[in-house]
Amino acid sequence: MSNSVFTNVWKPMRFTASSLAKTSFLAVLCYISTATCFADTELASQQKPTIYLGGSVGLIDLSTKFSVEARKISDNAVVSGSILAGADISPRISLEASATMTEKANVTNNAALVGDLGYRDYAVSALGYLYRKNVSDGAIERDGFSVFSRLGVGYKEFDSKLASRDSDRAHLVLGLGSEYGWENGVATRAEVSMLDDDANHLNFSLLKRFNLQGAPKKASTASLEARNSKLWENRLFLHLPTIYFPDNDSRSPISLTEQQRLNELAQQLIANPRLEIEVRGHSDSAVSFRDGLILSRRRAITVSRYLQSRGVRGNRLHIRSYASTQPVKRGGLKGAAEKGESNSNKISNRRVEFEIYGG
């Protein structure tokens, strides 16, 4: 497909508003997404950032002005390629660095070809996620559909022998896009961004995220024996209760009976400030595995928040979600999930358990 076809597709999408209007509009979006991140700060402090790498291809609509008035870019829309690296630092905020290179566009003088023009751009941006399908579970992972805005700064280097009114310089980067991520860390993006008044950029990206937190760590037998021996020396008798939930409504509050049990646990943890525990959320088989993961995480977060409201520091509570992978059969025995799970077993599986954290 020729550049002329790209240009015909791209030109209707060019922004005609002033640079001030562009800046104000997307700056407001960035402000909204940044403000909402504070609700997730407490949860994000308990998790490590997720880093990601990726690349993108797209079209850039150039609007460079030359020192000679008759000179024009014949192919305004040129193909671009980018590499990027970033980190998801909270459920709604990511930081990203990128390097972009464009193909060279032909420059004409009164319809005669006189040269070409391309450029390289380096940018650092903050991405604010305005909407995330799974944000309510408190996870940093970006699985599912989301919408984000971008605010950053960049530096542009021109690659041309022709004199231009624009010189290498810093500029503002603004953008708005959508993203869809899978549980394996792969994600795709579509985004429109603007580099001041110099260019409009439409690009499609492919990302791969790497979770630094890794799989949940279990305490070794030796470390558990050593810790239990030390607890015995200190005459500590720690009771770790199981907290049950009446239904599969994520908004269900903790009952008064369960609150009393959590109050007792909080007192034991406060009395032993070096002790850390895992807060393990579970669900029954009445919901799908994916919904069970979300629901069990919400239960663990609800219990963790309650303990923190009673004076336990959040960095001592390590949230884990298991969905229905560790069911409790009637009689308190753990085993594989069974088809036709009974109502009594379902009640037993809507639970949050605790275990001493092995580090």
Protein backbone atom coordinates (compact mmCIF):
# COMPACT_ATOMS: atom_id res chain seq x y z
CA MET A 1 0.00 0.00 0.00
CA SER A 2 1.47 3.37 -1.00
CA ASN A 3 2.11 6.33 1.27
CA SER A 4 -0.52 8.27 -0.67
CA VAL A 5 -3.16 5.79 0.52
CA PHE A 6 -1.86 6.14 4.10
CA THR A 7 -2.14 9.89 3.74
CA ASN A 8 -5.75 9.74 2.55
CA VAL A 9 -6.66 7.58 5.54
CA TRP A 10 -4.69 9.67 8.00
CA LYS A 11 -5.60 13.19 6.95
CA PRO A 12 -9.22 13.11 8.22
CA MET A 13 -7.81 12.18 11.63
CA ARG A 14 -5.56 15.23 11.93
CA PHE A 15 -6.31 17.42 14.91
CA THR A 16 -7.33 20.92 13.96
CA ALA A 17 -7.68 22.33 17.50
CA SER A 18 -5.00 24.63 18.84
CA SER A 19 -2.08 23.24 20.81
CA LEU A 20 -3.53 24.79 23.95
CA ALA A 21 -6.81 22.94 23.51
CA LYS A 22 -4.97 19.67 22.86
CA THR A 23 -2.83 20.12 25.93
CA SER A 24 -5.75 21.06 28.16
CA PHE A 25 -7.94 18.16 27.04
CA LEU A 26 -5.42 15.40 27.54
CA ALA A 27 -3.87 17.01 30.61
CA VAL A 28 -7.29 16.80 32.27
CA LEU A 29 -7.49 13.10 31.41
CA CYS A 30 -4.01 12.54 32.85
CA TYR A 31 -4.97 14.43 36.00
CA ILE A 32 -8.09 12.31 36.50
CA SER A 33 -6.21 9.04 36.11
CA THR A 34 -3.38 10.22 38.35
CA ALA A 35 -5.78 11.29 41.08
CA THR A 36 -7.53 7.93 41.09
CA CYS A 37 -4.26 6.08 41.71
CA PHE A 38 -4.13 7.24 45.33
CA ALA A 39 -6.97 4.86 46.22
CA ASP A 40 -4.65 1.99 45.20
CA THR A 41 -1.48 3.20 46.94
CA GLU A 42 -2.04 1.03 50.00
CA LEU A 43 -2.47 -2.11 47.91
CA ALA A 44 0.41 -1.30 45.56
CA SER A 45 2.78 -0.96 48.55
CA GLN A 46 2.30 -4.69 49.14
CA GLN A 47 3.34 -5.67 45.60
CA LYS A 48 6.46 -5.33 43.47
CA PRO A 49 6.32 -3.44 40.14
CA THR A 50 5.81 -5.30 36.89
CA ILE A 51 8.28 -4.43 34.11
CA TYR A 52 7.52 -4.76 30.41
CA LEU A 53 9.23 -4.56 27.03
CA GLY A 54 7.67 -4.03 23.64
CA GLY A 55 7.68 -2.64 20.17
CA SER A 56 5.27 -0.78 17.92
CA VAL A 57 4.64 0.22 14.33
CA GLY A 58 2.50 3.09 13.16
CA LEU A 59 2.00 6.19 11.06
CA ILE A 60 3.22 9.70 11.83
CA ASP A 61 1.64 12.76 10.22
CA LEU A 62 4.51 15.25 9.85
CA SER A 63 3.95 19.00 9.75
CA THR A 64 7.52 20.30 9.55
CA LYS A 65 8.06 23.79 8.13
CA PHE A 66 11.15 24.56 6.06
CA SER A 67 13.20 27.73 5.77
CA VAL A 68 12.27 27.82 2.07
CA GLU A 69 8.52 28.45 1.86
CA ALA A 70 8.06 26.49 -1.38
CA ARG A 71 9.39 23.27 0.15
CA LYS A 72 6.81 20.79 1.33
CA ILE A 73 6.65 17.21 2.53
CA SER A 74 4.98 15.24 -0.26
CA ASP A 75 4.14 12.24 1.94
CA ASN A 76 2.85 13.63 5.22
CA ALA A 77 2.09 10.20 6.69
CA VAL A 78 5.19 8.04 7.07
CA VAL A 79 5.75 4.68 8.71
CA SER A 80 7.39 4.64 12.15
CA GLY A 81 8.83 2.01 14.44
CA SER A 82 9.41 2.16 18.20
CA ILE A 83 10.92 0.17 21.03
CA LEU A 84 9.76 0.75 24.58
CA ALA A 85 10.34 -0.34 28.15
CA GLY A 86 8.28 0.44 31.20
CA ALA A 87 7.14 -0.49 34.69
CA ASP A 88 3.64 -0.79 36.17
CA ILE A 89 4.18 0.84 39.57
CA SER A 90 0.57 0.81 40.81
CA PRO A 91 -2.83 -0.48 39.66
CA ARG A 92 -3.39 2.73 37.65
CA ILE A 93 0.06 4.22 36.93
CA SER A 94 2.90 3.10 34.63
CA LEU A 95 6.19 4.76 33.71
CA GLU A 96 7.58 4.26 30.21
CA ALA A 97 10.62 5.15 28.07
CA SER A 98 10.56 4.86 24.28
CA ALA A 99 12.68 5.46 21.19
CA THR A 100 10.98 6.09 17.81
CA MET A 101 12.41 6.29 14.30
CA THR A 102 10.50 7.28 11.17
CA GLU A 103 11.09 6.40 7.55
CA LYS A 104 12.18 9.32 5.42
CA ALA A 105 9.52 11.38 3.66
CA ASN A 106 10.13 13.03 0.28
CA VAL A 107 10.49 16.82 0.24
CA THR A 108 9.58 18.75 -2.88
CA ASN A 109 10.17 22.30 -4.07
CA ASN A 110 7.48 23.38 -6.56
CA ALA A 111 6.72 19.71 -7.26
CA ALA A 112 10.42 18.89 -7.84
CA LEU A 113 12.05 16.39 -5.48
CA VAL A 114 14.86 18.09 -3.53
CA GLY A 115 15.54 15.69 -0.66
CA ASP A 116 14.01 13.80 2.22
CA LEU A 117 13.28 14.18 5.93
CA GLY A 118 13.05 11.80 8.87
CA TYR A 119 13.61 12.00 12.58
CA ARG A 120 14.29 10.10 15.78
CA ASP A 121 12.41 10.78 18.99
CA TYR A 122 13.20 9.76 22.58
CA ALA A 123 10.53 10.14 25.26
CA VAL A 124 9.74 9.43 28.91
CA SER A 125 6.06 9.29 29.87
CA ALA A 126 3.63 8.52 32.66
CA LEU A 127 0.57 6.46 31.71
CA GLY A 128 -2.60 6.92 33.76
CA TYR A 129 -5.18 4.16 33.38
CA LEU A 130 -8.59 5.86 33.24
CA TYR A 131 -10.46 2.55 33.08
CA ARG A 132 -9.44 -0.99 34.00
CA LYS A 133 -11.85 -3.89 33.91
CA ASN A 134 -10.20 -5.68 36.84
CA VAL A 135 -8.96 -2.72 38.89
CA SER A 136 -11.26 -3.49 41.81
CA ASP A 137 -9.22 -6.56 42.77
CA GLY A 138 -6.25 -4.34 43.61
CA ALA A 139 -3.86 -6.11 41.22
CA ILE A 140 -1.06 -4.38 39.34
CA GLU A 141 -1.38 -6.87 36.46
CA ARG A 142 -2.91 -5.35 33.32
CA ASP A 143 -4.99 -8.32 32.15
CA GLY A 144 -8.28 -7.48 30.43
CA PHE A 145 -9.37 -4.31 28.65
CA SER A 146 -8.23 -0.86 29.77
CA VAL A 147 -8.08 2.74 28.57
CA PHE A 148 -5.11 4.98 29.34
CA SER A 149 -3.82 8.52 28.82
CA ARG A 150 -0.20 9.58 28.39
CA LEU A 151 1.71 12.63 29.58
CA GLY A 152 5.44 13.01 29.07
CA VAL A 153 8.39 14.82 27.55
CA GLY A 154 10.55 13.92 24.57
CA TYR A 155 13.54 15.03 22.53
CA LYS A 156 13.42 15.06 18.73
CA GLU A 157 16.41 14.76 16.35
CA PHE A 158 15.90 15.60 12.67
CA ASP A 159 17.59 13.48 10.01
CA SER A 160 17.81 15.65 6.89
CA LYS A 161 20.28 17.80 4.99
CA LEU A 162 17.56 20.33 4.27
CA ALA A 163 17.30 23.41 6.45
CA SER A 164 14.19 23.40 8.65
CA ARG A 165 12.59 26.05 10.84
CA ASP A 166 12.31 23.34 13.49
CA SER A 167 15.51 22.34 15.25
CA ASP A 168 16.33 19.43 17.54
CA ARG A 169 14.42 20.22 20.70
CA ALA A 170 12.42 19.00 23.66
CA HIS A 171 8.66 18.74 23.36
CA LEU A 172 5.52 17.66 25.20
CA VAL A 173 4.01 14.21 24.56
CA LEU A 174 0.26 13.66 24.97
CA GLY A 175 -1.68 10.53 24.12
CA LEU A 176 -4.84 8.50 24.54
CA GLY A 177 -5.17 4.77 23.86
CA SER A 178 -6.61 1.38 24.72
CA GLU A 179 -4.95 -1.84 25.79
CA TYR A 180 -5.89 -5.49 26.12
CA GLY A 181 -3.77 -7.88 28.15
CA TRP A 182 -3.76 -11.64 28.65
CA GLU A 183 -2.87 -13.57 31.81
CA ASN A 184 0.45 -14.70 30.28
CA GLY A 185 1.69 -11.08 30.28
CA VAL A 186 1.25 -10.39 26.55
CA ALA A 187 -0.70 -7.23 25.70
CA THR A 188 -1.64 -5.18 22.63
CA ARG A 189 -2.21 -1.43 22.39
CA ALA A 190 -3.69 1.09 19.98
CA GLU A 191 -2.87 4.74 20.66
CA VAL A 192 -3.05 8.23 19.21
CA SER A 193 -0.41 10.64 20.48
CA MET A 194 0.73 14.18 19.70
CA LEU A 195 4.20 15.70 19.81
CA ASP A 196 3.33 19.36 20.42
CA ASP A 197 2.21 20.76 17.02
CA ASP A 198 4.93 18.91 15.07
CA ALA A 199 3.33 15.53 14.46
CA ASN A 200 0.37 13.28 15.17
CA HIS A 201 1.16 9.63 15.77
CA LEU A 202 -1.05 6.56 15.37
CA ASN A 203 0.63 3.34 16.53
CA PHE A 204 -0.05 -0.28 17.42
CA SER A 205 2.10 -2.00 20.05
CA LEU A 206 2.85 -5.49 21.30
CA LEU A 207 4.08 -5.84 24.90
CA LYS A 208 5.34 -8.56 27.21
CA ARG A 209 5.19 -8.09 30.97
CA PHE A 210 7.48 -9.78 33.51
CA ASN A 211 6.18 -10.14 37.06
CA LEU A 212 9.01 -9.46 39.53
CA GLN A 213 6.93 -10.74 42.42
CA GLY A 214 7.05 -14.28 41.09
CA ALA A 215 5.19 -17.26 42.41
CA PRO A 216 4.15 -17.34 46.06
CA LYS A 217 6.99 -18.58 48.25
CA LYS A 218 6.40 -21.34 50.75
CA ALA A 219 8.36 -21.70 53.91
CA SER A 220 10.76 -24.68 53.88
CA THR A 221 10.37 -27.41 56.47
CA ALA A 222 13.62 -26.39 58.16
CA SER A 223 12.66 -22.71 58.35
CA LEU A 224 9.21 -23.57 59.71
CA GLU A 225 10.72 -25.83 62.38
CA ALA A 226 13.22 -23.15 63.37
CA ARG A 227 10.51 -20.51 63.54
CA ASN A 228 8.17 -22.77 65.49
CA SER A 229 11.00 -23.58 67.90
CA LYS A 230 11.64 -19.88 68.46
CA LEU A 231 7.94 -19.27 68.99
CA TRP A 232 7.91 -22.02 71.59
CA GLU A 233 10.91 -20.48 73.33
CA ASN A 234 9.04 -17.20 73.53
CA ARG A 235 5.95 -19.03 74.79
CA LEU A 236 3.89 -17.76 71.85
CA PHE A 237 0.69 -19.61 71.09
CA LEU A 238 -0.57 -18.14 67.81
CA HIS A 239 -4.08 -19.02 66.70
CA LEU A 240 -4.71 -18.51 62.98
CA PRO A 241 -8.47 -18.51 62.39
CA THR A 242 -10.40 -19.25 59.19
CA ILE A 243 -12.75 -16.45 58.11
CA TYR A 244 -15.92 -17.44 56.25
CA PHE A 245 -18.13 -15.44 53.88
CA PRO A 246 -21.88 -16.09 53.51
CA ASP A 247 -22.15 -15.73 49.72
CA ASN A 248 -20.31 -14.90 46.49
CA ASP A 249 -21.08 -11.19 46.60
CA SER A 250 -17.74 -9.35 46.66
CA ARG A 251 -19.44 -6.53 48.58
CA SER A 252 -20.51 -8.74 51.49
CA PRO A 253 -19.13 -7.31 54.76
CA ILE A 254 -17.28 -9.30 57.37
CA SER A 255 -19.75 -10.57 59.96
CA LEU A 256 -19.52 -9.48 63.61
CA THR A 257 -18.46 -12.98 64.64
CA GLU A 258 -15.61 -13.01 62.13
CA GLN A 259 -14.61 -9.46 63.11
CA GLN A 260 -14.14 -10.62 66.71
CA ARG A 261 -11.84 -13.41 65.51
CA LEU A 262 -9.86 -10.94 63.40
CA ASN A 263 -9.59 -8.57 66.38
CA GLU A 264 -7.96 -11.36 68.39
CA LEU A 265 -5.58 -12.13 65.51
CA ALA A 266 -4.66 -8.45 65.18
CA GLN A 267 -3.78 -8.31 68.89
CA GLN A 268 -1.48 -11.32 68.49
CA LEU A 269 0.23 -9.78 65.45
CA ILE A 270 0.70 -6.42 67.16
CA ALA A 271 2.26 -8.22 70.13
CA ASN A 272 4.72 -9.89 67.72
CA PRO A 273 5.74 -7.12 65.28
CA ARG A 274 8.30 -9.24 63.37
CA LEU A 275 5.81 -11.90 62.40
CA GLU A 276 4.47 -11.84 58.83
CA ILE A 277 1.55 -13.87 57.52
CA GLU A 278 -0.02 -14.82 54.22
CA VAL A 279 -3.67 -13.88 53.76
CA ARG A 280 -5.05 -16.61 51.50
CA GLY A 281 -8.36 -16.09 49.72
CA HIS A 282 -10.46 -19.00 48.43
CA SER A 283 -13.75 -19.44 46.57
CA ASP A 284 -16.22 -22.23 45.91
CA SER A 285 -16.88 -23.90 42.54
CA ALA A 286 -20.08 -21.95 41.88
CA VAL A 287 -18.13 -19.32 39.94
CA SER A 288 -15.71 -19.66 37.03
CA PHE A 289 -12.00 -20.03 37.71
CA ARG A 290 -11.25 -16.47 36.53
CA ASP A 291 -14.08 -14.98 38.60
CA GLY A 292 -12.95 -17.13 41.51
CA LEU A 293 -9.44 -15.66 41.35
CA ILE A 294 -10.85 -12.15 41.42
CA LEU A 295 -13.34 -12.95 44.20
CA SER A 296 -10.80 -14.75 46.39
CA ARG A 297 -8.34 -11.85 45.99
CA ARG A 298 -11.05 -9.37 47.01
CA ARG A 299 -11.80 -11.45 50.09
CA ALA A 300 -8.13 -11.50 51.04
CA ILE A 301 -7.88 -7.74 50.46
CA THR A 302 -11.01 -7.12 52.57
CA VAL A 303 -9.57 -9.12 55.47
CA SER A 304 -6.15 -7.47 55.07
CA ARG A 305 -7.71 -4.00 55.17
CA TYR A 306 -9.63 -4.92 58.32
CA LEU A 307 -6.45 -6.09 60.07
CA GLN A 308 -4.72 -2.87 59.01
CA SER A 309 -7.61 -0.87 60.47
CA ARG A 310 -6.80 -2.62 63.76
CA GLY A 311 -3.17 -1.50 63.69
CA VAL A 312 -1.37 -4.23 61.72
CA ARG A 313 1.08 -2.82 59.15
CA GLY A 314 0.22 -3.69 55.56
CA ASN A 315 3.76 -4.84 54.68
CA ARG A 316 3.34 -7.74 57.11
CA LEU A 317 0.34 -9.11 55.21
CA HIS A 318 0.99 -10.95 51.95
CA ILE A 319 -2.11 -11.42 49.79
CA ARG A 320 -2.62 -14.64 47.83
CA SER A 321 -5.62 -15.85 45.83
CA TYR A 322 -6.35 -19.49 45.01
CA ALA A 323 -9.93 -19.47 43.62
CA SER A 324 -11.35 -23.00 43.99
CA THR A 325 -8.03 -24.87 43.57
CA GLN A 326 -7.79 -25.81 47.27
CA PRO A 327 -11.30 -26.89 48.27
CA VAL A 328 -12.19 -28.04 51.77
CA LYS A 329 -14.37 -31.13 51.89
CA ARG A 330 -16.86 -31.75 54.61
CA GLY A 331 -14.99 -32.69 57.74
CA GLY A 332 -12.21 -30.17 57.10
CA LEU A 333 -10.15 -32.24 54.64
CA LYS A 334 -8.56 -30.60 51.62
CA GLY A 335 -8.76 -32.30 48.24
CA ALA A 336 -9.50 -31.92 44.55
CA ALA A 337 -12.62 -30.04 43.48
CA GLU A 338 -15.60 -32.31 42.97
CA LYS A 339 -18.42 -32.08 40.48
CA GLY A 340 -21.69 -31.28 42.21
CA GLU A 341 -20.09 -29.63 45.23
CA SER A 342 -22.56 -29.72 48.13
CA ASN A 343 -23.94 -26.56 49.73
CA SER A 344 -22.14 -27.30 53.00
CA ASN A 345 -18.84 -27.66 51.16
CA LYS A 346 -19.47 -24.42 49.25
CA ILE A 347 -19.95 -22.56 52.53
CA SER A 348 -16.67 -24.05 53.82
CA ASN A 349 -14.83 -22.97 50.67
CA ARG A 350 -15.91 -19.31 50.76
CA ARG A 351 -13.09 -18.53 53.14
CA VAL A 352 -9.85 -16.73 53.97
CA GLU A 353 -7.06 -18.62 55.72
CA PHE A 354 -3.75 -17.52 57.23
CA GLU A 355 -0.28 -19.03 57.24
CA ILE A 356 3.03 -17.86 58.65
CA TYR A 357 4.96 -16.22 55.80
CA GLY A 358 8.20 -18.00 54.93
CA GLY A 359 9.94 -14.98 53.28
